[in-house]
Amino acid sequence: GDEVVVLEPYYDSYVAMIQMAGGVRRPVTLRAPDFR
């Protein structure tokens, strides 16, 4: 149930391990074209 804010796009193991821990991911997107 803990929320984890994570920068998106993200390395795929982040998704898998947050799910395995039972956490909830909250993405913040680095958007093209500058990815800031």
Full PDB file with SEQRES, HELIX, SHEET, SSBOND, CRYST1, ORIGX, SCALE, CONECT and MASTER records, all heavy atoms in Angstrom:
SEQRES   1 A   36  GLY ASP GLU VAL VAL VAL LEU GLU PRO TYR TYR ASP SER          
SEQRES   2 A   36  TYR VAL ALA MET ILE GLN MET ALA GLY GLY VAL ARG ARG          
SEQRES   3 A   36  PRO VAL THR LEU ARG ALA PRO ASP PHE ARG                      
HELIX    1 AA1 ASP A   12  ALA A   21  1                                  10    
SHEET    1 AA1 2 GLU A   3  GLU A   8  0                                        
SHEET    2 AA1 2 VAL A  24  THR A  29  1                                        
CRYST1    1.000    1.000    1.000  90.00  90.00  90.00 P 1           1          
ORIGX1      1.000000  0.000000  0.000000        0.00000                         
ORIGX2      0.000000  1.000000  0.000000        0.00000                         
ORIGX3      0.000000  0.000000  1.000000        0.00000                         
SCALE1      1.000000  0.000000  0.000000        0.00000                         
SCALE2      0.000000  1.000000  0.000000        0.00000                         
SCALE3      0.000000  0.000000  1.000000        0.00000                         
ATOM      1  N   GLY A   1       0.784  -1.224   0.000  1.00  0.00           N  
ATOM      2  CA  GLY A   1       0.000   0.000   0.000  1.00  0.00           C  
ATOM      3  C   GLY A   1       0.814   1.270   0.000  1.00  0.00           C  
ATOM      4  O   GLY A   1       0.287   2.348  -0.305  1.00  0.00           O  
ATOM      5  N   ASP A   2       2.114   1.184   0.347  1.00  0.00           N  
ATOM      6  CA  ASP A   2       2.964   2.374   0.294  1.00  0.00           C  
ATOM      7  C   ASP A   2       3.087   2.865  -1.140  1.00  0.00           C  
ATOM      8  O   ASP A   2       3.288   2.074  -2.066  1.00  0.00           O  
ATOM      9  CB  ASP A   2       4.377   2.058   0.808  1.00  0.00           C  
ATOM     10  CG  ASP A   2       4.450   1.911   2.313  1.00  0.00           C  
ATOM     11  OD1 ASP A   2       3.459   2.233   2.996  1.00  0.00           O  
ATOM     12  OD2 ASP A   2       5.510   1.472   2.799  1.00  0.00           O  
ATOM     13  N   GLU A   3       3.019   4.168  -1.318  1.00  0.00           N  
ATOM     14  CA  GLU A   3       3.218   4.736  -2.644  1.00  0.00           C  
ATOM     15  C   GLU A   3       4.683   5.081  -2.859  1.00  0.00           C  
ATOM     16  O   GLU A   3       5.357   5.605  -1.965  1.00  0.00           O  
ATOM     17  CB  GLU A   3       2.363   5.994  -2.817  1.00  0.00           C  
ATOM     18  CG  GLU A   3       0.879   5.693  -2.904  1.00  0.00           C  
ATOM     19  CD  GLU A   3       0.053   6.931  -3.188  1.00  0.00           C  
ATOM     20  OE1 GLU A   3       0.607   8.051  -3.177  1.00  0.00           O  
ATOM     21  OE2 GLU A   3      -1.164   6.766  -3.424  1.00  0.00           O  
ATOM     22  N   VAL A   4       5.155   4.777  -4.069  1.00  0.00           N  
ATOM     23  CA  VAL A   4       6.530   5.062  -4.475  1.00  0.00           C  
ATOM     24  C   VAL A   4       6.473   5.965  -5.700  1.00  0.00           C  
ATOM     25  O   VAL A   4       5.993   5.553  -6.760  1.00  0.00           O  
ATOM     26  CB  VAL A   4       7.296   3.767  -4.814  1.00  0.00           C  
ATOM     27  CG1 VAL A   4       8.751   4.089  -5.162  1.00  0.00           C  
ATOM     28  CG2 VAL A   4       7.220   2.766  -3.656  1.00  0.00           C  
ATOM     29  N   VAL A   5       6.937   7.196  -5.558  1.00  0.00           N  
ATOM     30  CA  VAL A   5       7.019   8.103  -6.696  1.00  0.00           C  
ATOM     31  C   VAL A   5       8.289   7.760  -7.472  1.00  0.00           C  
ATOM     32  O   VAL A   5       9.374   7.684  -6.899  1.00  0.00           O  
ATOM     33  CB  VAL A   5       7.043   9.572  -6.236  1.00  0.00           C  
ATOM     34  CG1 VAL A   5       7.318  10.505  -7.420  1.00  0.00           C  
ATOM     35  CG2 VAL A   5       5.715   9.941  -5.575  1.00  0.00           C  
ATOM     36  N   VAL A   6       8.139   7.546  -8.777  1.00  0.00           N  
ATOM     37  CA  VAL A   6       9.258   7.078  -9.583  1.00  0.00           C  
ATOM     38  C   VAL A   6       9.299   7.856 -10.900  1.00  0.00           C  
ATOM     39  O   VAL A   6       8.256   8.164 -11.476  1.00  0.00           O  
ATOM     40  CB  VAL A   6       9.151   5.553  -9.830  1.00  0.00           C  
ATOM     41  CG1 VAL A   6       7.838   5.185 -10.466  1.00  0.00           C  
ATOM     42  CG2 VAL A   6      10.319   5.024 -10.639  1.00  0.00           C  
ATOM     43  N   LEU A   7      10.517   8.207 -11.330  1.00  0.00           N  
ATOM     44  CA  LEU A   7      10.671   8.931 -12.586  1.00  0.00           C  
ATOM     45  C   LEU A   7      10.436   7.986 -13.760  1.00  0.00           C  
ATOM     46  O   LEU A   7      11.025   6.916 -13.847  1.00  0.00           O  
ATOM     47  CB  LEU A   7      12.069   9.552 -12.682  1.00  0.00           C  
ATOM     48  CG  LEU A   7      12.463  10.532 -11.570  1.00  0.00           C  
ATOM     49  CD1 LEU A   7      13.808  11.164 -11.888  1.00  0.00           C  
ATOM     50  CD2 LEU A   7      11.403  11.599 -11.358  1.00  0.00           C  
ATOM     51  N   GLU A   8       9.573   8.411 -14.669  1.00  0.00           N  
ATOM     52  CA  GLU A   8       9.190   7.635 -15.840  1.00  0.00           C  
ATOM     53  C   GLU A   8       9.750   8.318 -17.096  1.00  0.00           C  
ATOM     54  O   GLU A   8       9.722   9.556 -17.166  1.00  0.00           O  
ATOM     55  CB  GLU A   8       7.667   7.577 -15.904  1.00  0.00           C  
ATOM     56  CG  GLU A   8       7.110   6.863 -17.107  1.00  0.00           C  
ATOM     57  CD  GLU A   8       5.599   7.039 -17.244  1.00  0.00           C  
ATOM     58  OE1 GLU A   8       5.142   8.197 -17.322  1.00  0.00           O  
ATOM     59  OE2 GLU A   8       4.898   6.032 -17.264  1.00  0.00           O  
ATOM     60  N   PRO A   9      10.258   7.616 -18.094  1.00  0.00           N  
ATOM     61  CA  PRO A   9      10.361   6.156 -18.227  1.00  0.00           C  
ATOM     62  C   PRO A   9      11.352   5.569 -17.228  1.00  0.00           C  
ATOM     63  O   PRO A   9      12.255   6.260 -16.781  1.00  0.00           O  
ATOM     64  CB  PRO A   9      10.838   5.969 -19.669  1.00  0.00           C  
ATOM     65  CG  PRO A   9      11.553   7.242 -20.002  1.00  0.00           C  
ATOM     66  CD  PRO A   9      10.826   8.328 -19.273  1.00  0.00           C  
ATOM     67  N   TYR A  10      11.156   4.276 -16.911  1.00  0.00           N  
ATOM     68  CA  TYR A  10      11.976   3.682 -15.881  1.00  0.00           C  
ATOM     69  C   TYR A  10      12.476   2.297 -16.261  1.00  0.00           C  
ATOM     70  O   TYR A  10      11.873   1.578 -17.040  1.00  0.00           O  
ATOM     71  CB  TYR A  10      11.232   3.592 -14.546  1.00  0.00           C  
ATOM     72  CG  TYR A  10       9.739   3.455 -14.611  1.00  0.00           C  
ATOM     73  CD1 TYR A  10       9.138   2.392 -15.263  1.00  0.00           C  
ATOM     74  CD2 TYR A  10       8.941   4.410 -14.009  1.00  0.00           C  
ATOM     75  CE1 TYR A  10       7.773   2.274 -15.301  1.00  0.00           C  
ATOM     76  CE2 TYR A  10       7.561   4.304 -14.050  1.00  0.00           C  
ATOM     77  CZ  TYR A  10       6.978   3.240 -14.692  1.00  0.00           C  
ATOM     78  OH  TYR A  10       5.614   3.126 -14.743  1.00  0.00           O  
ATOM     79  N   TYR A  11      13.624   1.980 -15.673  1.00  0.00           N  
ATOM     80  CA  TYR A  11      14.207   0.645 -15.804  1.00  0.00           C  
ATOM     81  C   TYR A  11      13.168  -0.380 -15.365  1.00  0.00           C  
ATOM     82  O   TYR A  11      12.493  -0.202 -14.344  1.00  0.00           O  
ATOM     83  CB  TYR A  11      15.460   0.583 -14.940  1.00  0.00           C  
ATOM     84  CG  TYR A  11      16.241  -0.702 -14.998  1.00  0.00           C  
ATOM     85  CD1 TYR A  11      16.725  -1.198 -16.189  1.00  0.00           C  
ATOM     86  CD2 TYR A  11      16.529  -1.407 -13.823  1.00  0.00           C  
ATOM     87  CE1 TYR A  11      17.460  -2.373 -16.229  1.00  0.00           C  
ATOM     88  CE2 TYR A  11      17.268  -2.571 -13.848  1.00  0.00           C  
ATOM     89  CZ  TYR A  11      17.725  -3.050 -15.051  1.00  0.00           C  
ATOM     90  OH  TYR A  11      18.463  -4.210 -15.086  1.00  0.00           O  
ATOM     91  N   ASP A  12      13.015  -1.453 -16.129  1.00  0.00           N  
ATOM     92  CA  ASP A  12      11.848  -2.315 -15.929  1.00  0.00           C  
ATOM     93  C   ASP A  12      11.820  -3.033 -14.588  1.00  0.00           C  
ATOM     94  O   ASP A  12      10.748  -3.393 -14.101  1.00  0.00           O  
ATOM     95  CB  ASP A  12      11.694  -3.306 -17.085  1.00  0.00           C  
ATOM     96  CG  ASP A  12      12.883  -4.226 -17.277  1.00  0.00           C  
ATOM     97  OD1 ASP A  12      13.923  -4.013 -16.639  1.00  0.00           O  
ATOM     98  OD2 ASP A  12      12.772  -5.166 -18.097  1.00  0.00           O  
ATOM     99  N   SER A  13      12.961  -3.230 -13.934  1.00  0.00           N  
ATOM    100  CA  SER A  13      12.926  -3.919 -12.642  1.00  0.00           C  
ATOM    101  C   SER A  13      12.224  -3.084 -11.576  1.00  0.00           C  
ATOM    102  O   SER A  13      11.712  -3.628 -10.598  1.00  0.00           O  
ATOM    103  CB  SER A  13      14.334  -4.285 -12.165  1.00  0.00           C  
ATOM    104  OG  SER A  13      14.984  -3.208 -11.528  1.00  0.00           O  
ATOM    105  N   TYR A  14      12.174  -1.755 -11.756  1.00  0.00           N  
ATOM    106  CA  TYR A  14      11.468  -0.925 -10.774  1.00  0.00           C  
ATOM    107  C   TYR A  14      10.005  -1.336 -10.690  1.00  0.00           C  
ATOM    108  O   TYR A  14       9.446  -1.496  -9.601  1.00  0.00           O  
ATOM    109  CB  TYR A  14      11.531   0.557 -11.160  1.00  0.00           C  
ATOM    110  CG  TYR A  14      12.885   1.194 -11.251  1.00  0.00           C  
ATOM    111  CD1 TYR A  14      13.018   2.474 -11.774  1.00  0.00           C  
ATOM    112  CD2 TYR A  14      14.042   0.553 -10.828  1.00  0.00           C  
ATOM    113  CE1 TYR A  14      14.254   3.097 -11.874  1.00  0.00           C  
ATOM    114  CE2 TYR A  14      15.283   1.162 -10.933  1.00  0.00           C  
ATOM    115  CZ  TYR A  14      15.382   2.436 -11.459  1.00  0.00           C  
ATOM    116  OH  TYR A  14      16.600   3.039 -11.557  1.00  0.00           O  
ATOM    117  N   VAL A  15       9.379  -1.490 -11.840  1.00  0.00           N  
ATOM    118  CA  VAL A  15       7.970  -1.864 -11.889  1.00  0.00           C  
ATOM    119  C   VAL A  15       7.753  -3.212 -11.222  1.00  0.00           C  
ATOM    120  O   VAL A  15       6.872  -3.386 -10.376  1.00  0.00           O  
ATOM    121  CB  VAL A  15       7.475  -1.907 -13.344  1.00  0.00           C  
ATOM    122  CG1 VAL A  15       6.037  -2.405 -13.418  1.00  0.00           C  
ATOM    123  CG2 VAL A  15       7.598  -0.532 -13.981  1.00  0.00           C  
ATOM    124  N   ALA A  16       8.591  -4.187 -11.608  1.00  0.00           N  
ATOM    125  CA  ALA A  16       8.430  -5.541 -11.077  1.00  0.00           C  
ATOM    126  C   ALA A  16       8.581  -5.576  -9.564  1.00  0.00           C  
ATOM    127  O   ALA A  16       7.782  -6.202  -8.853  1.00  0.00           O  
ATOM    128  CB  ALA A  16       9.451  -6.474 -11.726  1.00  0.00           C  
ATOM    129  N   MET A  17       9.591  -4.877  -9.053  1.00  0.00           N  
ATOM    130  CA  MET A  17       9.867  -4.980  -7.626  1.00  0.00           C  
ATOM    131  C   MET A  17       8.886  -4.170  -6.782  1.00  0.00           C  
ATOM    132  O   MET A  17       8.547  -4.580  -5.660  1.00  0.00           O  
ATOM    133  CB  MET A  17      11.303  -4.558  -7.333  1.00  0.00           C  
ATOM    134  CG  MET A  17      12.348  -5.446  -7.997  1.00  0.00           C  
ATOM    135  SD  MET A  17      12.006  -7.237  -7.896  1.00  0.00           S  
ATOM    136  CE  MET A  17      11.835  -7.475  -6.134  1.00  0.00           C  
ATOM    137  N   ILE A  18       8.415  -3.044  -7.284  1.00  0.00           N  
ATOM    138  CA  ILE A  18       7.366  -2.323  -6.550  1.00  0.00           C  
ATOM    139  C   ILE A  18       6.122  -3.191  -6.451  1.00  0.00           C  
ATOM    140  O   ILE A  18       5.487  -3.292  -5.391  1.00  0.00           O  
ATOM    141  CB  ILE A  18       7.060  -0.974  -7.230  1.00  0.00           C  
ATOM    142  CG1 ILE A  18       8.243  -0.012  -7.074  1.00  0.00           C  
ATOM    143  CG2 ILE A  18       5.806  -0.341  -6.624  1.00  0.00           C  
ATOM    144  CD1 ILE A  18       8.127   1.251  -7.910  1.00  0.00           C  
ATOM    145  N   GLN A  19       5.768  -3.876  -7.546  1.00  0.00           N  
ATOM    146  CA  GLN A  19       4.620  -4.774  -7.522  1.00  0.00           C  
ATOM    147  C   GLN A  19       4.847  -5.935  -6.558  1.00  0.00           C  
ATOM    148  O   GLN A  19       3.936  -6.298  -5.795  1.00  0.00           O  
ATOM    149  CB  GLN A  19       4.332  -5.307  -8.925  1.00  0.00           C  
ATOM    150  CG  GLN A  19       3.731  -4.270  -9.861  1.00  0.00           C  
ATOM    151  CD  GLN A  19       3.394  -4.839 -11.219  1.00  0.00           C  
ATOM    152  OE1 GLN A  19       3.765  -4.279 -12.243  1.00  0.00           O  
ATOM    153  NE2 GLN A  19       2.682  -5.952 -11.251  1.00  0.00           N  
ATOM    154  N   MET A  20       6.035  -6.523  -6.583  1.00  0.00           N  
ATOM    155  CA  MET A  20       6.306  -7.657  -5.701  1.00  0.00           C  
ATOM    156  C   MET A  20       6.254  -7.256  -4.237  1.00  0.00           C  
ATOM    157  O   MET A  20       5.851  -8.041  -3.374  1.00  0.00           O  
ATOM    158  CB  MET A  20       7.655  -8.284  -6.048  1.00  0.00           C  
ATOM    159  CG  MET A  20       7.652  -9.026  -7.374  1.00  0.00           C  
ATOM    160  SD  MET A  20       9.257  -9.706  -7.815  1.00  0.00           S  
ATOM    161  CE  MET A  20       9.413 -11.009  -6.592  1.00  0.00           C  
ATOM    162  N   ALA A  21       6.655  -6.009  -3.942  1.00  0.00           N  
ATOM    163  CA  ALA A  21       6.606  -5.526  -2.560  1.00  0.00           C  
ATOM    164  C   ALA A  21       5.196  -5.118  -2.148  1.00  0.00           C  
ATOM    165  O   ALA A  21       4.962  -4.840  -0.959  1.00  0.00           O  
ATOM    166  CB  ALA A  21       7.558  -4.345  -2.401  1.00  0.00           C  
ATOM    167  N   GLY A  22       4.277  -5.064  -3.092  1.00  0.00           N  
ATOM    168  CA  GLY A  22       2.912  -4.645  -2.785  1.00  0.00           C  
ATOM    169  C   GLY A  22       2.754  -3.142  -2.759  1.00  0.00           C  
ATOM    170  O   GLY A  22       1.724  -2.623  -2.297  1.00  0.00           O  
ATOM    171  N   GLY A  23       3.760  -2.411  -3.281  1.00  0.00           N  
ATOM    172  CA  GLY A  23       3.679  -0.964  -3.320  1.00  0.00           C  
ATOM    173  C   GLY A  23       2.845  -0.461  -4.486  1.00  0.00           C  
ATOM    174  O   GLY A  23       2.416  -1.227  -5.357  1.00  0.00           O  
ATOM    175  N   VAL A  24       2.604   0.837  -4.488  1.00  0.00           N  
ATOM    176  CA  VAL A  24       1.833   1.496  -5.546  1.00  0.00           C  
ATOM    177  C   VAL A  24       2.735   2.543  -6.181  1.00  0.00           C  
ATOM    178  O   VAL A  24       3.228   3.444  -5.497  1.00  0.00           O  
ATOM    179  CB  VAL A  24       0.574   2.171  -4.974  1.00  0.00           C  
ATOM    180  CG1 VAL A  24      -0.196   2.903  -6.077  1.00  0.00           C  
ATOM    181  CG2 VAL A  24      -0.311   1.147  -4.277  1.00  0.00           C  
ATOM    182  N   ARG A  25       2.990   2.428  -7.485  1.00  0.00           N  
ATOM    183  CA  ARG A  25       3.887   3.385  -8.114  1.00  0.00           C  
ATOM    184  C   ARG A  25       3.119   4.626  -8.586  1.00  0.00           C  
ATOM    185  O   ARG A  25       1.988   4.529  -9.067  1.00  0.00           O  
ATOM    186  CB  ARG A  25       4.666   2.758  -9.267  1.00  0.00           C  
ATOM    187  CG  ARG A  25       3.874   2.300 -10.453  1.00  0.00           C  
ATOM    188  CD  ARG A  25       4.796   1.630 -11.483  1.00  0.00           C  
ATOM    189  NE  ARG A  25       4.072   1.169 -12.655  1.00  0.00           N  
ATOM    190  CZ  ARG A  25       3.477  -0.011 -12.775  1.00  0.00           C  
ATOM    191  NH1 ARG A  25       3.513  -0.863 -11.751  1.00  0.00           N  
ATOM    192  NH2 ARG A  25       2.839  -0.347 -13.882  1.00  0.00           N  
ATOM    193  N   ARG A  26       3.784   5.750  -8.420  1.00  0.00           N  
ATOM    194  CA  ARG A  26       3.231   7.040  -8.824  1.00  0.00           C  
ATOM    195  C   ARG A  26       4.226   7.677  -9.789  1.00  0.00           C  
ATOM    196  O   ARG A  26       5.209   8.293  -9.373  1.00  0.00           O  
ATOM    197  CB  ARG A  26       3.019   7.935  -7.600  1.00  0.00           C  
ATOM    198  CG  ARG A  26       2.049   7.381  -6.562  1.00  0.00           C  
ATOM    199  CD  ARG A  26       0.630   7.763  -6.865  1.00  0.00           C  
ATOM    200  NE  ARG A  26       0.450   9.225  -6.782  1.00  0.00           N  
ATOM    201  CZ  ARG A  26      -0.660   9.864  -7.133  1.00  0.00           C  
ATOM    202  NH1 ARG A  26      -1.673   9.191  -7.640  1.00  0.00           N  
ATOM    203  NH2 ARG A  26      -0.753  11.171  -7.009  1.00  0.00           N  
ATOM    204  N   PRO A  27       4.019   7.519 -11.089  1.00  0.00           N  
ATOM    205  CA  PRO A  27       5.022   7.992 -12.048  1.00  0.00           C  
ATOM    206  C   PRO A  27       5.019   9.503 -12.222  1.00  0.00           C  
ATOM    207  O   PRO A  27       3.978  10.151 -12.181  1.00  0.00           O  
ATOM    208  CB  PRO A  27       4.614   7.286 -13.341  1.00  0.00           C  
ATOM    209  CG  PRO A  27       3.154   7.022 -13.192  1.00  0.00           C  
ATOM    210  CD  PRO A  27       2.916   6.788 -11.737  1.00  0.00           C  
ATOM    211  N   VAL A  28       6.221  10.043 -12.423  1.00  0.00           N  
ATOM    212  CA  VAL A  28       6.415  11.431 -12.846  1.00  0.00           C  
ATOM    213  C   VAL A  28       7.202  11.354 -14.144  1.00  0.00           C  
ATOM    214  O   VAL A  28       8.328  10.848 -14.166  1.00  0.00           O  
ATOM    215  CB  VAL A  28       7.179  12.241 -11.786  1.00  0.00           C  
ATOM    216  CG1 VAL A  28       7.481  13.645 -12.309  1.00  0.00           C  
ATOM    217  CG2 VAL A  28       6.388  12.307 -10.486  1.00  0.00           C  
ATOM    218  N   THR A  29       6.626  11.832 -15.239  1.00  0.00           N  
ATOM    219  CA  THR A  29       7.180  11.591 -16.558  1.00  0.00           C  
ATOM    220  C   THR A  29       8.201  12.649 -16.960  1.00  0.00           C  
ATOM    221  O   THR A  29       7.930  13.853 -16.863  1.00  0.00           O  
ATOM    222  CB  THR A  29       6.050  11.554 -17.609  1.00  0.00           C  
ATOM    223  OG1 THR A  29       5.053  10.619 -17.194  1.00  0.00           O  
ATOM    224  CG2 THR A  29       6.599  11.144 -18.973  1.00  0.00           C  
ATOM    225  N   LEU A  30       9.369  12.187 -17.398  1.00  0.00           N  
ATOM    226  CA  LEU A  30      10.333  13.033 -18.092  1.00  0.00           C  
ATOM    227  C   LEU A  30       9.931  13.004 -19.563  1.00  0.00           C  
ATOM    228  O   LEU A  30      10.082  11.989 -20.233  1.00  0.00           O  
ATOM    229  CB  LEU A  30      11.754  12.503 -17.912  1.00  0.00           C  
ATOM    230  CG  LEU A  30      12.240  12.258 -16.472  1.00  0.00           C  
ATOM    231  CD1 LEU A  30      13.688  11.782 -16.473  1.00  0.00           C  
ATOM    232  CD2 LEU A  30      12.078  13.496 -15.615  1.00  0.00           C  
ATOM    233  N   ARG A  31       9.416  14.123 -20.068  1.00  0.00           N  
ATOM    234  CA  ARG A  31       8.749  14.119 -21.367  1.00  0.00           C  
ATOM    235  C   ARG A  31       9.683  14.535 -22.499  1.00  0.00           C  
ATOM    236  O   ARG A  31      10.523  15.422 -22.339  1.00  0.00           O  
ATOM    237  CB  ARG A  31       7.527  15.036 -21.331  1.00  0.00           C  
ATOM    238  CG  ARG A  31       6.504  14.599 -20.285  1.00  0.00           C  
ATOM    239  CD  ARG A  31       5.229  15.422 -20.322  1.00  0.00           C  
ATOM    240  NE  ARG A  31       4.345  15.019 -19.239  1.00  0.00           N  
ATOM    241  CZ  ARG A  31       3.552  13.951 -19.251  1.00  0.00           C  
ATOM    242  NH1 ARG A  31       3.515  13.189 -20.347  1.00  0.00           N  
ATOM    243  NH2 ARG A  31       2.785  13.642 -18.220  1.00  0.00           N  
ATOM    244  N   ALA A  32       9.507  13.867 -23.644  1.00  0.00           N  
ATOM    245  CA  ALA A  32      10.239  14.228 -24.855  1.00  0.00           C  
ATOM    246  C   ALA A  32       9.830  15.642 -25.279  1.00  0.00           C  
ATOM    247  O   ALA A  32       8.700  16.064 -25.026  1.00  0.00           O  
ATOM    248  CB  ALA A  32       9.926  13.222 -25.960  1.00  0.00           C  
ATOM    249  N   PRO A  33      10.707  16.386 -25.954  1.00  0.00           N  
ATOM    250  CA  PRO A  33      12.027  15.945 -26.407  1.00  0.00           C  
ATOM    251  C   PRO A  33      13.173  16.213 -25.442  1.00  0.00           C  
ATOM    252  O   PRO A  33      14.274  15.734 -25.675  1.00  0.00           O  
ATOM    253  CB  PRO A  33      12.216  16.768 -27.685  1.00  0.00           C  
ATOM    254  CG  PRO A  33      11.523  18.066 -27.370  1.00  0.00           C  
ATOM    255  CD  PRO A  33      10.320  17.686 -26.554  1.00  0.00           C  
ATOM    256  N   ASP A  34      12.925  16.969 -24.361  1.00  0.00           N  
ATOM    257  CA  ASP A  34      14.031  17.380 -23.493  1.00  0.00           C  
ATOM    258  C   ASP A  34      14.259  16.459 -22.301  1.00  0.00           C  
ATOM    259  O   ASP A  34      15.345  16.437 -21.725  1.00  0.00           O  
ATOM    260  CB  ASP A  34      13.804  18.807 -22.990  1.00  0.00           C  
ATOM    261  CG  ASP A  34      13.773  19.822 -24.116  1.00  0.00           C  
ATOM    262  OD1 ASP A  34      14.535  19.638 -25.084  1.00  0.00           O  
ATOM    263  OD2 ASP A  34      12.979  20.782 -24.036  1.00  0.00           O  
ATOM    264  N   PHE A  35      13.219  15.728 -21.884  1.00  0.00           N  
ATOM    265  CA  PHE A  35      13.308  14.772 -20.770  1.00  0.00           C  
ATOM    266  C   PHE A  35      13.816  15.438 -19.482  1.00  0.00           C  
ATOM    267  O   PHE A  35      14.701  14.912 -18.800  1.00  0.00           O  
ATOM    268  CB  PHE A  35      14.201  13.589 -21.145  1.00  0.00           C  
ATOM    269  CG  PHE A  35      13.745  12.837 -22.360  1.00  0.00           C  
ATOM    270  CD1 PHE A  35      14.495  12.844 -23.525  1.00  0.00           C  
ATOM    271  CD2 PHE A  35      12.550  12.133 -22.354  1.00  0.00           C  
ATOM    272  CE1 PHE A  35      14.076  12.156 -24.657  1.00  0.00           C  
ATOM    273  CE2 PHE A  35      12.117  11.435 -23.477  1.00  0.00           C  
ATOM    274  CZ  PHE A  35      12.883  11.451 -24.630  1.00  0.00           C  
ATOM    275  N   ARG A  36      13.236  16.594 -19.150  1.00  0.00           N  
ATOM    276  CA  ARG A  36      13.587  17.269 -17.906  1.00  0.00           C  
ATOM    277  C   ARG A  36      12.515  17.018 -16.852  1.00  0.00           C  
ATOM    278  O   ARG A  36      11.349  16.734 -17.183  1.00  0.00           O  
ATOM    279  CB  ARG A  36      13.726  18.780 -18.106  1.00  0.00           C  
ATOM    280  CG  ARG A  36      14.710  19.299 -19.120  1.00  0.00           C  
ATOM    281  CD  ARG A  36      16.080  18.713 -19.144  1.00  0.00           C  
ATOM    282  NE  ARG A  36      16.728  18.445 -17.879  1.00  0.00           N  
ATOM    283  CZ  ARG A  36      17.939  17.874 -17.780  1.00  0.00           C  
ATOM    284  NH1 ARG A  36      18.600  17.542 -18.893  1.00  0.00           N  
ATOM    285  NH2 ARG A  36      18.473  17.635 -16.612  1.00  0.00           N  
TER     286      ARG A  36                                                      
MASTER        0    0    0    1    2    0    0    6  285    1    0    3          
END                                                                             
